[in-house]
Amino acid sequence: MAAGEAACSWCPEHSYTEEAGSVQCHCKDDYYRLALDPPSAPCTKPPTAPQTLGYSTRHATVLLDWKPPEDSGGRTDVMYNALCSTCAVTLQTCGPCDSRIEFVPQQLGLVDTAVTVVNLLPYVNYTFRVEAVNGVSDLSPAPRMYVEITVAISEGDDSRPAEFSWKNIPVLAAEFDYFAPFSRCNVEIYGRLQ
């Protein structure tokens, strides 16, 4: 090694090079590096879905809460987006939630694992989807992983989740069916885990 030459080092995690002495390591399939990440940074991937989506209600308000994803993708910048769609119980028509529905503190880019949804109407099925994202999520062509729950608001204070499921999560070898009504304070829970 001549004076002034830098010593070679191994490629960062989840990256490779095809020839010795390369100045840059390339990310493996399904792993990414942001333009602002230094070349010495490991390649990372989008996070898995949030875990254990739960809710509580009070009048026309739903508090959604969840646990962080099992795998952050190797990044510390995980955030969450809360999405909403509705199906009118009597009309059987579905679409995005209208503009009167508000998310507190916000709908997109949540850093905490909870959001409050206000101005909900009775006799409407609301499906809430929470997706986890990180700095490289927009670089991946794969669909984002999410968890969702459908909540039907009745005229009083009570509500029930019509269905809950985890989507876009690889299933290894088992399917679990759950159908058990639970009643407490006029809340009924029904579900099917997929």
C-alpha atoms as a PDB file:
ATOM      1  CA  MET A   1       0.000   0.000   0.000  1.00  0.00           C
ATOM      2  CA  ALA A   2       1.442   3.360  -1.017  1.00  0.00           C
ATOM      3  CA  ALA A   3       1.430   6.341   1.285  1.00  0.00           C
ATOM      4  CA  GLY A   4      -1.975   8.057   1.264  1.00  0.00           C
ATOM      5  CA  GLU A   5      -3.957   4.999   0.131  1.00  0.00           C
ATOM      6  CA  ALA A   6      -6.909   4.051   2.289  1.00  0.00           C
ATOM      7  CA  ALA A   7      -7.274   0.489   3.533  1.00  0.00           C
ATOM      8  CA  CYS A   8     -10.110  -1.573   2.102  1.00  0.00           C
ATOM      9  CA  SER A   9     -13.019  -2.487   4.342  1.00  0.00           C
ATOM     10  CA  TRP A  10     -15.927  -4.880   4.106  1.00  0.00           C
ATOM     11  CA  CYS A  11     -19.165  -3.726   2.511  1.00  0.00           C
ATOM     12  CA  PRO A  12     -21.790  -2.536   5.022  1.00  0.00           C
ATOM     13  CA  GLU A  13     -24.589  -4.898   5.989  1.00  0.00           C
ATOM     14  CA  HIS A  14     -27.000  -5.919   3.169  1.00  0.00           C
ATOM     15  CA  SER A  15     -24.688  -4.603   0.430  1.00  0.00           C
ATOM     16  CA  TYR A  16     -22.096  -6.091  -1.908  1.00  0.00           C
ATOM     17  CA  THR A  17     -19.536  -5.307  -4.552  1.00  0.00           C
ATOM     18  CA  GLU A  18     -18.499  -7.386  -7.549  1.00  0.00           C
ATOM     19  CA  GLU A  19     -14.842  -6.412  -7.530  1.00  0.00           C
ATOM     20  CA  ALA A  20     -12.174  -5.764  -4.942  1.00  0.00           C
ATOM     21  CA  GLY A  21     -11.188  -2.155  -4.447  1.00  0.00           C
ATOM     22  CA  SER A  22     -14.603  -0.711  -5.369  1.00  0.00           C
ATOM     23  CA  VAL A  23     -15.365   2.723  -4.005  1.00  0.00           C
ATOM     24  CA  GLN A  24     -19.041   1.867  -3.514  1.00  0.00           C
ATOM     25  CA  CYS A  25     -21.056  -1.129  -2.370  1.00  0.00           C
ATOM     26  CA  HIS A  26     -24.457  -1.780  -3.937  1.00  0.00           C
ATOM     27  CA  CYS A  27     -27.554  -2.724  -1.956  1.00  0.00           C
ATOM     28  CA  LYS A  28     -28.880  -6.263  -2.182  1.00  0.00           C
ATOM     29  CA  ASP A  29     -32.363  -6.840  -3.622  1.00  0.00           C
ATOM     30  CA  ASP A  30     -35.154  -5.316  -1.501  1.00  0.00           C
ATOM     31  CA  TYR A  31     -32.675  -3.174   0.467  1.00  0.00           C
ATOM     32  CA  TYR A  32     -32.048   0.513  -0.119  1.00  0.00           C
ATOM     33  CA  ARG A  33     -29.823   3.414   0.820  1.00  0.00           C
ATOM     34  CA  LEU A  34     -30.981   7.042   0.787  1.00  0.00           C
ATOM     35  CA  ALA A  35     -28.953   9.552  -1.211  1.00  0.00           C
ATOM     36  CA  LEU A  36     -28.134  11.284   2.086  1.00  0.00           C
ATOM     37  CA  ASP A  37     -26.922   8.058   3.756  1.00  0.00           C
ATOM     38  CA  PRO A  38     -23.111   7.796   3.747  1.00  0.00           C
ATOM     39  CA  PRO A  39     -21.585   4.973   1.661  1.00  0.00           C
ATOM     40  CA  SER A  40     -20.508   3.345   4.935  1.00  0.00           C
ATOM     41  CA  ALA A  41     -24.147   3.065   6.101  1.00  0.00           C
ATOM     42  CA  PRO A  42     -25.833  -0.347   5.852  1.00  0.00           C
ATOM     43  CA  CYS A  43     -28.584  -0.827   3.316  1.00  0.00           C
ATOM     44  CA  THR A  44     -32.032  -0.955   4.890  1.00  0.00           C
ATOM     45  CA  LYS A  45     -35.578  -1.940   3.964  1.00  0.00           C
ATOM     46  CA  PRO A  46     -39.141  -0.807   4.743  1.00  0.00           C
ATOM     47  CA  PRO A  47     -40.567  -1.904   8.099  1.00  0.00           C
ATOM     48  CA  THR A  48     -43.028  -4.708   8.648  1.00  0.00           C
ATOM     49  CA  ALA A  49     -46.616  -3.904   9.651  1.00  0.00           C
ATOM     50  CA  PRO A  50     -47.436  -2.359  13.018  1.00  0.00           C
ATOM     51  CA  GLN A  51     -48.586  -4.896  15.600  1.00  0.00           C
ATOM     52  CA  THR A  52     -51.684  -5.268  17.764  1.00  0.00           C
ATOM     53  CA  LEU A  53     -53.989  -2.527  16.507  1.00  0.00           C
ATOM     54  CA  GLY A  54     -56.506  -1.708  19.214  1.00  0.00           C
ATOM     55  CA  TYR A  55     -59.108   0.949  19.820  1.00  0.00           C
ATOM     56  CA  SER A  56     -61.403   2.574  22.332  1.00  0.00           C
ATOM     57  CA  THR A  57     -64.392   4.823  21.713  1.00  0.00           C
ATOM     58  CA  ARG A  58     -66.167   7.713  23.322  1.00  0.00           C
ATOM     59  CA  HIS A  59     -69.179   9.220  21.553  1.00  0.00           C
ATOM     60  CA  ALA A  60     -68.132   9.990  17.964  1.00  0.00           C
ATOM     61  CA  THR A  61     -64.412   9.525  18.655  1.00  0.00           C
ATOM     62  CA  VAL A  62     -62.102   6.539  18.256  1.00  0.00           C
ATOM     63  CA  LEU A  63     -58.650   6.284  19.802  1.00  0.00           C
ATOM     64  CA  LEU A  64     -56.458   3.901  17.791  1.00  0.00           C
ATOM     65  CA  ASP A  65     -53.267   2.531  19.282  1.00  0.00           C
ATOM     66  CA  TRP A  66     -50.758  -0.067  18.147  1.00  0.00           C
ATOM     67  CA  LYS A  67     -47.323  -1.476  18.834  1.00  0.00           C
ATOM     68  CA  PRO A  68     -44.269  -0.782  16.651  1.00  0.00           C
ATOM     69  CA  PRO A  69     -43.433  -3.195  13.844  1.00  0.00           C
ATOM     70  CA  GLU A  70     -41.484  -6.310  14.699  1.00  0.00           C
ATOM     71  CA  ASP A  71     -38.820  -5.317  12.160  1.00  0.00           C
ATOM     72  CA  SER A  72     -37.969  -1.630  11.664  1.00  0.00           C
ATOM     73  CA  GLY A  73     -36.068  -2.456   8.490  1.00  0.00           C
ATOM     74  CA  GLY A  74     -32.809  -1.503  10.173  1.00  0.00           C
ATOM     75  CA  ARG A  75     -33.752   2.156  10.480  1.00  0.00           C
ATOM     76  CA  THR A  76     -34.648   4.408  13.401  1.00  0.00           C
ATOM     77  CA  ASP A  77     -36.906   6.793  11.422  1.00  0.00           C
ATOM     78  CA  VAL A  78     -40.116   4.684  11.574  1.00  0.00           C
ATOM     79  CA  MET A  79     -43.344   6.699  11.301  1.00  0.00           C
ATOM     80  CA  TYR A  80     -46.988   5.763  10.823  1.00  0.00           C
ATOM     81  CA  ASN A  81     -49.800   6.754   8.475  1.00  0.00           C
ATOM     82  CA  ALA A  82     -53.440   6.303   9.508  1.00  0.00           C
ATOM     83  CA  LEU A  83     -55.862   5.835   6.619  1.00  0.00           C
ATOM     84  CA  CYS A  84     -59.646   5.700   6.718  1.00  0.00           C
ATOM     85  CA  SER A  85     -62.409   4.346   4.504  1.00  0.00           C
ATOM     86  CA  THR A  86     -66.145   3.981   5.136  1.00  0.00           C
ATOM     87  CA  CYS A  87     -68.993   1.725   4.156  1.00  0.00           C
ATOM     88  CA  ALA A  88     -72.525   2.879   4.913  1.00  0.00           C
ATOM     89  CA  VAL A  89     -74.298  -0.015   6.625  1.00  0.00           C
ATOM     90  CA  THR A  90     -77.639   0.582   4.924  1.00  0.00           C
ATOM     91  CA  LEU A  91     -76.396   1.597   1.453  1.00  0.00           C
ATOM     92  CA  GLN A  92     -73.489  -0.864   1.094  1.00  0.00           C
ATOM     93  CA  THR A  93     -71.398   1.836  -0.585  1.00  0.00           C
ATOM     94  CA  CYS A  94     -67.731   2.248   0.275  1.00  0.00           C
ATOM     95  CA  GLY A  95     -65.163   4.979  -0.238  1.00  0.00           C
ATOM     96  CA  PRO A  96     -62.585   7.154   1.483  1.00  0.00           C
ATOM     97  CA  CYS A  97     -63.619   8.965   4.658  1.00  0.00           C
ATOM     98  CA  ASP A  98     -64.951  12.444   3.994  1.00  0.00           C
ATOM     99  CA  SER A  99     -63.239  15.659   5.001  1.00  0.00           C
ATOM    100  CA  ARG A 100     -65.180  16.086   8.250  1.00  0.00           C
ATOM    101  CA  ILE A 101     -63.223  13.161   9.772  1.00  0.00           C
ATOM    102  CA  GLU A 102     -60.152  14.514  11.565  1.00  0.00           C
ATOM    103  CA  PHE A 103     -57.039  12.806  12.898  1.00  0.00           C
ATOM    104  CA  VAL A 104     -55.428  14.248  16.025  1.00  0.00           C
ATOM    105  CA  PRO A 105     -52.547  15.124  16.127  1.00  0.00           C
ATOM    106  CA  GLN A 106     -52.301  14.309  12.371  1.00  0.00           C
ATOM    107  CA  GLN A 107     -53.002  11.594   9.844  1.00  0.00           C
ATOM    108  CA  LEU A 108     -49.609  11.094   8.177  1.00  0.00           C
ATOM    109  CA  GLY A 109     -46.095  11.002   9.585  1.00  0.00           C
ATOM    110  CA  LEU A 110     -47.102  10.033  13.118  1.00  0.00           C
ATOM    111  CA  VAL A 111     -44.161   9.402  15.425  1.00  0.00           C
ATOM    112  CA  ASP A 112     -46.218   8.049  18.336  1.00  0.00           C
ATOM    113  CA  THR A 113     -48.166   4.787  18.242  1.00  0.00           C
ATOM    114  CA  ALA A 114     -51.610   6.325  18.735  1.00  0.00           C
ATOM    115  CA  VAL A 115     -54.012   8.659  16.952  1.00  0.00           C
ATOM    116  CA  THR A 116     -57.474   9.993  17.791  1.00  0.00           C
ATOM    117  CA  VAL A 117     -60.126  10.088  15.068  1.00  0.00           C
ATOM    118  CA  VAL A 118     -63.000  12.531  15.623  1.00  0.00           C
ATOM    119  CA  ASN A 119     -66.353  13.467  14.029  1.00  0.00           C
ATOM    120  CA  LEU A 120     -67.448   9.901  13.259  1.00  0.00           C
ATOM    121  CA  LEU A 121     -71.063   9.249  12.295  1.00  0.00           C
ATOM    122  CA  PRO A 122     -73.348   6.484  13.623  1.00  0.00           C
ATOM    123  CA  TYR A 123     -74.358   3.517  11.442  1.00  0.00           C
ATOM    124  CA  VAL A 124     -71.229   3.738   9.334  1.00  0.00           C
ATOM    125  CA  ASN A 125     -68.521   1.077   9.164  1.00  0.00           C
ATOM    126  CA  TYR A 126     -65.132   2.779   9.427  1.00  0.00           C
ATOM    127  CA  THR A 127     -62.077   0.836   8.341  1.00  0.00           C
ATOM    128  CA  PHE A 128     -58.861   2.218   9.782  1.00  0.00           C
ATOM    129  CA  ARG A 129     -55.555   1.115   8.307  1.00  0.00           C
ATOM    130  CA  VAL A 130     -52.253   1.914   9.990  1.00  0.00           C
ATOM    131  CA  GLU A 131     -49.091   1.464   7.971  1.00  0.00           C
ATOM    132  CA  ALA A 132     -45.510   1.736   9.152  1.00  0.00           C
ATOM    133  CA  VAL A 133     -43.037   3.602   6.944  1.00  0.00           C
ATOM    134  CA  ASN A 134     -39.410   4.623   7.184  1.00  0.00           C
ATOM    135  CA  GLY A 135     -36.920   6.626   5.142  1.00  0.00           C
ATOM    136  CA  VAL A 136     -36.630   4.007   2.384  1.00  0.00           C
ATOM    137  CA  SER A 137     -40.331   3.046   2.073  1.00  0.00           C
ATOM    138  CA  ASP A 138     -40.809   5.289  -0.964  1.00  0.00           C
ATOM    139  CA  LEU A 139     -37.874   3.566  -2.720  1.00  0.00           C
ATOM    140  CA  SER A 140     -39.479   0.128  -2.549  1.00  0.00           C
ATOM    141  CA  PRO A 141     -41.961  -1.018  -5.221  1.00  0.00           C
ATOM    142  CA  ALA A 142     -43.495  -3.505  -2.758  1.00  0.00           C
ATOM    143  CA  PRO A 143     -46.889  -2.653  -1.214  1.00  0.00           C
ATOM    144  CA  ARG A 144     -46.677  -1.159   2.248  1.00  0.00           C
ATOM    145  CA  MET A 145     -47.461  -3.459   5.132  1.00  0.00           C
ATOM    146  CA  TYR A 146     -50.322  -2.472   7.385  1.00  0.00           C
ATOM    147  CA  VAL A 147     -52.791  -3.575  10.004  1.00  0.00           C
ATOM    148  CA  GLU A 148     -56.474  -2.633   9.838  1.00  0.00           C
ATOM    149  CA  ILE A 149     -59.631  -2.780  11.857  1.00  0.00           C
ATOM    150  CA  THR A 150     -63.252  -2.033  10.956  1.00  0.00           C
ATOM    151  CA  VAL A 151     -65.330  -0.304  13.621  1.00  0.00           C
ATOM    152  CA  ALA A 152     -69.094   0.185  13.408  1.00  0.00           C
ATOM    153  CA  ILE A 153     -70.355   3.154  15.412  1.00  0.00           C
ATOM    154  CA  SER A 154     -73.905   2.881  16.725  1.00  0.00           C
ATOM    155  CA  GLU A 155     -76.039   5.797  17.873  1.00  0.00           C
ATOM    156  CA  GLY A 156     -74.986   5.548  21.525  1.00  0.00           C
ATOM    157  CA  ASP A 157     -71.504   5.314  22.974  1.00  0.00           C
ATOM    158  CA  ASP A 158     -70.953   1.708  22.017  1.00  0.00           C
ATOM    159  CA  SER A 159     -69.154   0.382  18.989  1.00  0.00           C
ATOM    160  CA  ARG A 160     -67.810  -2.918  17.798  1.00  0.00           C
ATOM    161  CA  PRO A 161     -64.999  -3.920  15.505  1.00  0.00           C
ATOM    162  CA  ALA A 162     -66.599  -5.664  12.569  1.00  0.00           C
ATOM    163  CA  GLU A 163     -63.342  -7.232  11.440  1.00  0.00           C
ATOM    164  CA  PHE A 164     -59.672  -6.970  12.038  1.00  0.00           C
ATOM    165  CA  SER A 165     -56.784  -8.444  10.088  1.00  0.00           C
ATOM    166  CA  TRP A 166     -53.141  -8.085   9.281  1.00  0.00           C
ATOM    167  CA  LYS A 167     -52.391  -7.705   5.588  1.00  0.00           C
ATOM    168  CA  ASN A 168     -49.321  -8.246   3.416  1.00  0.00           C
ATOM    169  CA  ILE A 169     -47.554 -10.262   6.082  1.00  0.00           C
ATOM    170  CA  PRO A 170     -46.054 -13.538   4.863  1.00  0.00           C
ATOM    171  CA  VAL A 171     -47.790 -16.485   6.501  1.00  0.00           C
ATOM    172  CA  LEU A 172     -45.387 -19.282   7.355  1.00  0.00           C
ATOM    173  CA  ALA A 173     -47.609 -22.256   8.076  1.00  0.00           C
ATOM    174  CA  ALA A 174     -50.737 -21.499  10.047  1.00  0.00           C
ATOM    175  CA  GLU A 175     -54.069 -19.763   9.891  1.00  0.00           C
ATOM    176  CA  PHE A 176     -55.944 -18.859  13.041  1.00  0.00           C
ATOM    177  CA  ASP A 177     -59.695 -18.340  13.045  1.00  0.00           C
ATOM    178  CA  TYR A 178     -61.218 -16.356  15.860  1.00  0.00           C
ATOM    179  CA  PHE A 179     -64.907 -15.825  16.435  1.00  0.00           C
ATOM    180  CA  ALA A 180     -65.789 -15.158  20.014  1.00  0.00           C
ATOM    181  CA  PRO A 181     -68.255 -12.510  21.085  1.00  0.00           C
ATOM    182  CA  PHE A 182     -67.257 -10.569  24.148  1.00  0.00           C
ATOM    183  CA  SER A 183     -69.711  -8.226  25.741  1.00  0.00           C
ATOM    184  CA  ARG A 184     -68.893  -5.591  28.314  1.00  0.00           C
ATOM    185  CA  CYS A 185     -70.485  -2.180  28.535  1.00  0.00           C
ATOM    186  CA  ASN A 186     -72.366  -2.773  25.263  1.00  0.00           C
ATOM    187  CA  VAL A 187     -69.201  -3.469  23.258  1.00  0.00           C
ATOM    188  CA  GLU A 188     -69.113  -6.600  21.107  1.00  0.00           C
ATOM    189  CA  ILE A 189     -65.936  -7.905  19.528  1.00  0.00           C
ATOM    190  CA  TYR A 190     -65.858 -10.252  16.553  1.00  0.00           C
ATOM    191  CA  GLY A 191     -62.878 -11.017  14.431  1.00  0.00           C
ATOM    192  CA  ARG A 192     -60.953 -13.236  12.089  1.00  0.00           C
ATOM    193  CA  LEU A 193     -57.196 -13.254  12.067  1.00  0.00           C
ATOM    194  CA  GLN A 194     -55.785 -13.926   8.633  1.00  0.00           C
END
